[in-house]
């Protein structure tokens, strides 16, 4: 179970109010990610060994509109 005190807001929170960001929870075997504006909605959980490749893939993926 994920508790409120285990989540950390991204340091890249965007401009303005700083509310356009994600939060992460570091676990022993995985990293969980959620939208800070909707913390009770879907959570993405990724094994720690594939987290860095996952982030790199996001950086290079074309944006869809």
N, C-alpha and C. Protein backbone atom coordinates (compact mmCIF):
# COMPACT_ATOMS: atom_id res chain seq x y z
N UNK A 1 0.84 -1.18 0.00
CA UNK A 1 0.00 0.00 0.00
C UNK A 1 0.88 1.24 0.00
N UNK A 2 0.47 2.25 -0.74
CA UNK A 2 1.23 3.48 -0.83
C UNK A 2 0.66 4.49 0.16
N UNK A 3 1.51 5.06 0.96
CA UNK A 3 1.07 6.04 1.95
C UNK A 3 1.50 7.44 1.52
N UNK A 4 0.82 8.44 2.03
CA UNK A 4 1.06 9.83 1.62
C UNK A 4 2.49 10.28 1.87
N UNK A 5 3.12 9.80 2.91
CA UNK A 5 4.46 10.30 3.24
C UNK A 5 5.56 9.70 2.36
N UNK A 6 5.25 8.77 1.47
CA UNK A 6 6.26 8.18 0.61
C UNK A 6 6.36 8.86 -0.75
N UNK A 7 5.46 9.76 -1.06
CA UNK A 7 5.44 10.44 -2.36
C UNK A 7 6.27 11.72 -2.32
N UNK A 8 7.02 11.96 -3.40
CA UNK A 8 7.81 13.18 -3.53
C UNK A 8 7.43 13.86 -4.83
N UNK A 9 7.21 15.17 -4.77
CA UNK A 9 6.86 15.93 -5.95
C UNK A 9 8.11 16.15 -6.80
N UNK A 10 7.95 16.07 -8.09
CA UNK A 10 9.06 16.29 -9.01
C UNK A 10 9.64 17.69 -8.83
N UNK A 11 10.95 17.80 -9.00
CA UNK A 11 11.59 19.12 -8.92
C UNK A 11 11.32 19.94 -10.18
N UNK A 12 10.80 19.30 -11.22
CA UNK A 12 10.45 19.99 -12.46
C UNK A 12 8.95 20.19 -12.50
N UNK A 13 8.46 21.06 -11.64
CA UNK A 13 7.02 21.24 -11.48
C UNK A 13 6.40 22.19 -12.49
N UNK A 14 7.17 22.75 -13.37
CA UNK A 14 6.61 23.66 -14.35
C UNK A 14 6.47 25.06 -13.77
N UNK A 15 5.95 25.96 -14.58
CA UNK A 15 5.80 27.35 -14.16
C UNK A 15 4.52 27.59 -13.39
N UNK A 16 4.27 28.84 -13.13
CA UNK A 16 3.03 29.23 -12.44
C UNK A 16 2.96 28.73 -11.03
N UNK A 17 1.87 28.07 -10.71
CA UNK A 17 1.62 27.58 -9.36
C UNK A 17 2.45 26.35 -8.99
N UNK A 18 3.14 25.77 -9.98
CA UNK A 18 3.92 24.57 -9.70
C UNK A 18 3.07 23.34 -9.50
N UNK A 19 1.86 23.34 -10.09
CA UNK A 19 0.96 22.22 -9.87
C UNK A 19 0.84 21.31 -11.09
N UNK A 20 1.66 21.53 -12.10
CA UNK A 20 1.63 20.69 -13.30
C UNK A 20 2.81 19.72 -13.23
N UNK A 21 2.71 18.74 -12.37
CA UNK A 21 3.85 17.84 -12.20
C UNK A 21 3.41 16.45 -11.81
N UNK A 22 4.38 15.61 -11.65
CA UNK A 22 4.14 14.25 -11.19
C UNK A 22 4.81 14.07 -9.83
N UNK A 23 4.39 13.03 -9.15
CA UNK A 23 5.00 12.64 -7.88
C UNK A 23 5.53 11.22 -8.05
N UNK A 24 6.60 10.92 -7.35
CA UNK A 24 7.18 9.59 -7.41
C UNK A 24 7.30 9.00 -6.01
N UNK A 25 7.18 7.70 -5.94
CA UNK A 25 7.39 6.96 -4.69
C UNK A 25 8.44 5.89 -4.98
N UNK A 26 9.54 5.94 -4.27
CA UNK A 26 10.62 4.99 -4.47
C UNK A 26 10.39 3.76 -3.59
N UNK A 27 10.39 2.62 -4.21
CA UNK A 27 10.21 1.35 -3.52
C UNK A 27 11.49 0.53 -3.64
N UNK A 28 11.53 -0.58 -2.96
CA UNK A 28 12.70 -1.44 -3.02
C UNK A 28 12.89 -2.03 -4.41
N UNK A 29 11.81 -2.43 -5.07
CA UNK A 29 11.93 -3.10 -6.37
C UNK A 29 11.26 -2.35 -7.52
N UNK A 30 10.64 -1.20 -7.23
CA UNK A 30 9.94 -0.47 -8.27
C UNK A 30 9.85 1.01 -7.93
N UNK A 31 9.42 1.78 -8.92
CA UNK A 31 9.18 3.20 -8.75
C UNK A 31 7.75 3.47 -9.21
N UNK A 32 6.97 4.15 -8.38
CA UNK A 32 5.59 4.47 -8.73
C UNK A 32 5.49 5.94 -9.08
N UNK A 33 4.63 6.24 -10.07
CA UNK A 33 4.47 7.61 -10.57
C UNK A 33 2.98 7.92 -10.60
N UNK A 34 2.62 9.14 -10.18
CA UNK A 34 1.22 9.56 -10.25
C UNK A 34 1.14 11.05 -10.58
N UNK A 35 -0.01 11.47 -11.01
CA UNK A 35 -0.29 12.88 -11.31
C UNK A 35 -0.55 13.59 -9.98
N UNK A 36 0.17 14.66 -9.72
CA UNK A 36 0.00 15.36 -8.44
C UNK A 36 -1.36 16.04 -8.32
N UNK A 37 -2.02 16.33 -9.44
CA UNK A 37 -3.34 16.96 -9.39
C UNK A 37 -4.46 15.94 -9.16
N UNK A 38 -4.16 14.66 -9.39
CA UNK A 38 -5.17 13.61 -9.22
C UNK A 38 -4.52 12.40 -8.55
N UNK A 39 -4.09 12.55 -7.32
CA UNK A 39 -3.33 11.48 -6.66
C UNK A 39 -4.09 10.19 -6.40
N UNK A 40 -5.41 10.22 -6.44
CA UNK A 40 -6.17 9.00 -6.20
C UNK A 40 -6.50 8.26 -7.49
N UNK A 41 -6.12 8.82 -8.61
CA UNK A 41 -6.38 8.15 -9.89
C UNK A 41 -5.28 7.16 -10.18
N UNK A 42 -5.09 6.81 -11.41
CA UNK A 42 -4.15 5.76 -11.81
C UNK A 42 -2.71 6.04 -11.38
N UNK A 43 -2.02 4.98 -11.02
CA UNK A 43 -0.61 5.02 -10.65
C UNK A 43 0.14 4.10 -11.59
N UNK A 44 1.25 4.58 -12.15
CA UNK A 44 2.11 3.75 -12.99
C UNK A 44 3.24 3.25 -12.12
N UNK A 45 3.47 1.94 -12.12
CA UNK A 45 4.54 1.35 -11.34
C UNK A 45 5.49 0.63 -12.29
N UNK A 46 6.78 0.97 -12.17
CA UNK A 46 7.79 0.47 -13.09
C UNK A 46 8.92 -0.18 -12.29
N UNK A 47 9.38 -1.37 -12.70
CA UNK A 47 10.52 -1.97 -12.01
C UNK A 47 11.74 -1.04 -12.07
N UNK A 48 12.51 -1.00 -11.00
CA UNK A 48 13.64 -0.08 -10.92
C UNK A 48 14.64 -0.26 -12.05
N UNK A 49 14.86 -1.50 -12.51
CA UNK A 49 15.88 -1.73 -13.53
C UNK A 49 15.48 -1.20 -14.91
N UNK A 50 14.20 -0.92 -15.13
CA UNK A 50 13.79 -0.38 -16.43
C UNK A 50 13.34 1.08 -16.33
N UNK A 51 13.47 1.69 -15.17
CA UNK A 51 13.02 3.07 -15.02
C UNK A 51 13.82 4.04 -15.89
N UNK A 52 15.14 3.96 -15.86
CA UNK A 52 15.96 4.88 -16.68
C UNK A 52 15.68 4.71 -18.17
N UNK A 53 15.63 3.48 -18.71
CA UNK A 53 15.26 3.35 -20.12
C UNK A 53 13.85 3.87 -20.42
N UNK A 54 12.93 3.70 -19.48
CA UNK A 54 11.57 4.22 -19.65
C UNK A 54 11.58 5.74 -19.80
N UNK A 55 12.33 6.42 -18.93
CA UNK A 55 12.41 7.89 -18.99
C UNK A 55 13.07 8.33 -20.29
N UNK A 56 14.13 7.65 -20.71
CA UNK A 56 14.78 8.00 -21.98
C UNK A 56 13.83 7.82 -23.15
N UNK A 57 13.02 6.77 -23.13
CA UNK A 57 12.04 6.56 -24.20
C UNK A 57 11.01 7.68 -24.23
N UNK A 58 10.59 8.16 -23.05
CA UNK A 58 9.65 9.28 -22.99
C UNK A 58 10.25 10.55 -23.58
N UNK A 59 11.54 10.77 -23.32
CA UNK A 59 12.21 11.97 -23.82
C UNK A 59 12.29 11.99 -25.34
N UNK A 60 12.41 10.83 -25.95
CA UNK A 60 12.59 10.77 -27.41
C UNK A 60 11.30 10.47 -28.17
N UNK A 61 10.23 10.15 -27.46
CA UNK A 61 8.97 9.82 -28.13
C UNK A 61 8.35 11.07 -28.75
N UNK A 62 7.81 10.95 -29.96
CA UNK A 62 7.14 12.10 -30.58
C UNK A 62 5.88 12.46 -29.80
N UNK A 63 5.59 13.74 -29.71
CA UNK A 63 4.37 14.19 -29.02
C UNK A 63 3.16 13.99 -29.91
N UNK A 64 2.10 13.46 -29.34
CA UNK A 64 0.84 13.28 -30.08
C UNK A 64 -0.15 14.31 -29.59
N UNK A 65 -0.89 14.85 -30.51
CA UNK A 65 -1.87 15.87 -30.15
C UNK A 65 -3.27 15.43 -30.42
